[in-house]
C-alpha atoms as a PDB file:
ATOM      1  CA  MET A   1     193.348  47.243-110.794  1.00  0.00           C
ATOM      2  CA  ARG A   2     190.974  44.427-109.716  1.00  0.00           C
ATOM      3  CA  ILE A   3     192.643  41.821-107.477  1.00  0.00           C
ATOM      4  CA  VAL A   4     191.183  38.619-105.997  1.00  0.00           C
ATOM      5  CA  PHE A   5     192.582  36.855-102.943  1.00  0.00           C
ATOM      6  CA  ILE A   6     191.358  33.341-102.292  1.00  0.00           C
ATOM      7  CA  LEU A   7     191.784  31.910 -98.793  1.00  0.00           C
ATOM      8  CA  LYS A   8     191.039  28.192 -99.026  1.00  0.00           C
ATOM      9  CA  GLY A   9     193.205  26.587 -96.351  1.00  0.00           C
ATOM     10  CA  ASN A  10     193.827  26.825 -92.640  1.00  0.00           C
ATOM     11  CA  PRO A  11     192.351  30.140 -91.452  1.00  0.00           C
ATOM     12  CA  PHE A  12     194.250  29.935 -88.173  1.00  0.00           C
ATOM     13  CA  SER A  13     197.702  30.005 -89.678  1.00  0.00           C
ATOM     14  CA  TRP A  14     200.286  32.712 -90.260  1.00  0.00           C
ATOM     15  CA  LEU A  15     199.469  32.359 -93.968  1.00  0.00           C
ATOM     16  CA  ALA A  16     195.868  33.646 -93.428  1.00  0.00           C
ATOM     17  CA  HIS A  17     197.225  36.630 -91.474  1.00  0.00           C
ATOM     18  CA  GLU A  18     199.644  37.465 -94.266  1.00  0.00           C
ATOM     19  CA  ALA A  19     196.954  37.122 -96.885  1.00  0.00           C
ATOM     20  CA  PHE A  20     194.810  39.628 -95.045  1.00  0.00           C
ATOM     21  CA  ARG A  21     197.763  42.049 -94.523  1.00  0.00           C
ATOM     22  CA  VAL A  22     198.741  41.975 -98.175  1.00  0.00           C
ATOM     23  CA  ALA A  23     195.146  42.321 -99.309  1.00  0.00           C
ATOM     24  CA  LEU A  24     194.608  45.367 -97.030  1.00  0.00           C
ATOM     25  CA  ALA A  25     197.735  47.010 -98.384  1.00  0.00           C
ATOM     26  CA  LEU A  26     196.669  46.509-101.988  1.00  0.00           C
ATOM     27  CA  ALA A  27     193.110  47.611-101.205  1.00  0.00           C
ATOM     28  CA  ILE A  28     194.347  51.108-100.498  1.00  0.00           C
ATOM     29  CA  ASN A  29     194.796  51.825-104.242  1.00  0.00           C
ATOM     30  CA  ASN A  30     193.001  48.841-105.874  1.00  0.00           C
ATOM     31  CA  GLU A  31     189.690  47.050-105.875  1.00  0.00           C
ATOM     32  CA  VAL A  32     190.265  43.889-103.812  1.00  0.00           C
ATOM     33  CA  PHE A  33     187.931  40.928-103.384  1.00  0.00           C
ATOM     34  CA  PHE A  34     188.891  38.620-100.522  1.00  0.00           C
ATOM     35  CA  VAL A  35     187.177  35.298-101.158  1.00  0.00           C
ATOM     36  CA  MET A  36     186.990  32.553 -98.562  1.00  0.00           C
ATOM     37  CA  ILE A  37     186.251  28.985 -99.637  1.00  0.00           C
ATOM     38  CA  ARG A  38     186.541  25.572 -97.993  1.00  0.00           C
ATOM     39  CA  ASP A  39     187.981  25.918 -94.457  1.00  0.00           C
ATOM     40  CA  GLY A  40     188.950  29.498 -95.197  1.00  0.00           C
ATOM     41  CA  VAL A  41     185.384  30.522 -94.266  1.00  0.00           C
ATOM     42  CA  TYR A  42     186.202  29.985 -90.607  1.00  0.00           C
ATOM     43  CA  ALA A  43     188.582  32.986 -90.646  1.00  0.00           C
ATOM     44  CA  LEU A  44     185.694  35.410 -90.171  1.00  0.00           C
ATOM     45  CA  THR A  45     183.896  33.539 -87.447  1.00  0.00           C
ATOM     46  CA  ASP A  46     184.220  33.977 -83.703  1.00  0.00           C
ATOM     47  CA  TRP A  47     186.826  31.247 -83.253  1.00  0.00           C
ATOM     48  CA  LYS A  48     188.501  32.456 -80.007  1.00  0.00           C
ATOM     49  CA  PRO A  49     192.096  32.891 -81.203  1.00  0.00           C
ATOM     50  CA  ALA A  50     193.445  33.577 -77.671  1.00  0.00           C
ATOM     51  CA  GLU A  51     192.454  30.017 -76.710  1.00  0.00           C
ATOM     52  CA  LEU A  52     194.646  28.761 -79.540  1.00  0.00           C
ATOM     53  CA  GLY A  53     197.498  31.010 -78.483  1.00  0.00           C
ATOM     54  CA  ILE A  54     197.506  33.084 -81.646  1.00  0.00           C
ATOM     55  CA  GLU A  55     196.504  36.554 -82.716  1.00  0.00           C
ATOM     56  CA  GLY A  56     193.001  37.045 -84.188  1.00  0.00           C
ATOM     57  CA  PHE A  57     191.940  39.281 -87.056  1.00  0.00           C
ATOM     58  CA  ASP A  58     190.335  42.047 -84.982  1.00  0.00           C
ATOM     59  CA  LYS A  59     192.956  44.652 -85.875  1.00  0.00           C
ATOM     60  CA  ILE A  60     192.542  43.793 -89.512  1.00  0.00           C
ATOM     61  CA  PHE A  61     188.762  44.051 -89.277  1.00  0.00           C
ATOM     62  CA  GLU A  62     189.108  47.575 -87.819  1.00  0.00           C
ATOM     63  CA  THR A  63     190.770  48.824 -91.017  1.00  0.00           C
ATOM     64  CA  LEU A  64     188.214  47.475 -93.468  1.00  0.00           C
ATOM     65  CA  GLY A  65     186.233  50.704 -93.535  1.00  0.00           C
ATOM     66  CA  PHE A  66     189.275  52.602 -94.881  1.00  0.00           C
ATOM     67  CA  VAL A  67     190.070  50.430 -97.871  1.00  0.00           C
ATOM     68  CA  ASN A  68     188.374  49.107-101.005  1.00  0.00           C
ATOM     69  CA  MET A  69     188.080  45.463-100.034  1.00  0.00           C
ATOM     70  CA  LYS A  70     184.987  43.276-100.241  1.00  0.00           C
ATOM     71  CA  LEU A  71     184.822  40.078 -98.143  1.00  0.00           C
ATOM     72  CA  ILE A  72     183.148  37.160 -99.927  1.00  0.00           C
ATOM     73  CA  VAL A  73     182.194  33.754 -98.597  1.00  0.00           C
ATOM     74  CA  GLU A  74     181.341  30.932-100.948  1.00  0.00           C
ATOM     75  CA  ASP A  75     177.778  29.743-100.172  1.00  0.00           C
ATOM     76  CA  ALA A  76     178.501  26.004-100.524  1.00  0.00           C
ATOM     77  CA  SER A  77     181.540  26.165 -98.224  1.00  0.00           C
ATOM     78  CA  ALA A  78     179.609  27.964 -95.548  1.00  0.00           C
ATOM     79  CA  GLU A  79     176.668  25.641 -95.903  1.00  0.00           C
ATOM     80  CA  GLU A  80     178.827  22.524 -95.651  1.00  0.00           C
ATOM     81  CA  ARG A  81     180.211  23.846 -92.347  1.00  0.00           C
ATOM     82  CA  GLY A  82     176.818  24.873 -90.949  1.00  0.00           C
ATOM     83  CA  LEU A  83     177.644  28.614 -91.118  1.00  0.00           C
ATOM     84  CA  LYS A  84     175.077  31.348 -91.660  1.00  0.00           C
ATOM     85  CA  GLU A  85     175.623  35.007 -92.340  1.00  0.00           C
ATOM     86  CA  LYS A  86     175.069  35.816 -88.634  1.00  0.00           C
ATOM     87  CA  ASP A  87     178.048  33.583 -87.703  1.00  0.00           C
ATOM     88  CA  PHE A  88     180.582  35.992 -89.293  1.00  0.00           C
ATOM     89  CA  LYS A  89     182.110  38.763 -87.169  1.00  0.00           C
ATOM     90  CA  VAL A  90     182.065  41.298 -90.023  1.00  0.00           C
ATOM     91  CA  ASP A  91     179.840  41.976 -92.965  1.00  0.00           C
ATOM     92  CA  VAL A  92     180.375  39.511 -95.762  1.00  0.00           C
ATOM     93  CA  GLU A  93     178.717  38.845 -99.042  1.00  0.00           C
ATOM     94  CA  ILE A  94     177.737  35.209 -99.584  1.00  0.00           C
ATOM     95  CA  MET A  95     178.081  34.245-103.256  1.00  0.00           C
ATOM     96  CA  SER A  96     177.776  31.143-105.356  1.00  0.00           C
ATOM     97  CA  TYR A  97     180.670  29.511-107.095  1.00  0.00           C
ATOM     98  CA  GLU A  98     179.516  30.950-110.426  1.00  0.00           C
ATOM     99  CA  GLU A  99     179.380  34.508-109.080  1.00  0.00           C
ATOM    100  CA  ILE A 100     182.864  34.181-107.615  1.00  0.00           C
ATOM    101  CA  GLN A 101     184.102  32.717-110.935  1.00  0.00           C
ATOM    102  CA  ASP A 102     182.786  35.838-112.693  1.00  0.00           C
ATOM    103  CA  ILE A 103     184.735  38.082-110.352  1.00  0.00           C
ATOM    104  CA  ILE A 104     187.911  36.006-110.874  1.00  0.00           C
ATOM    105  CA  ASN A 105     187.501  36.134-114.694  1.00  0.00           C
ATOM    106  CA  SER A 106     187.182  39.907-114.623  1.00  0.00           C
ATOM    107  CA  SER A 107     190.252  40.449-112.429  1.00  0.00           C
ATOM    108  CA  GLU A 108     193.803  41.339-113.398  1.00  0.00           C
ATOM    109  CA  ALA A 109     195.418  39.262-110.630  1.00  0.00           C
ATOM    110  CA  VAL A 110     194.399  36.262-108.517  1.00  0.00           C
ATOM    111  CA  LEU A 111     196.383  35.179-105.447  1.00  0.00           C
ATOM    112  CA  VAL A 112     195.562  31.876-103.776  1.00  0.00           C
ATOM    113  CA  TRP A 113     196.494  31.352-100.126  1.00  0.00           C
END
């Protein structure tokens, strides 16, 4: 099954953590695309979570090599925030809105966070 997760809101919230956890669990037996748009693109940057008093995504990043999950950043959202591919802590694929739309259209489920 092909599943798309879209993180568009506050990347520093418990909601973002839950989105990653659920996506990782589903990526064990499914093809998962985790798409970050708008402020969601900040989730994969070096944003110093300890300084905010919250847990970062490092433990989640460690498990990416064991599951079938692709991390995607929308190009316009990254560009609007001055982010380049080198600003992300893990390997991401930067895609246009149209490319992301094609992935969404070919998926059986889409979850927006």
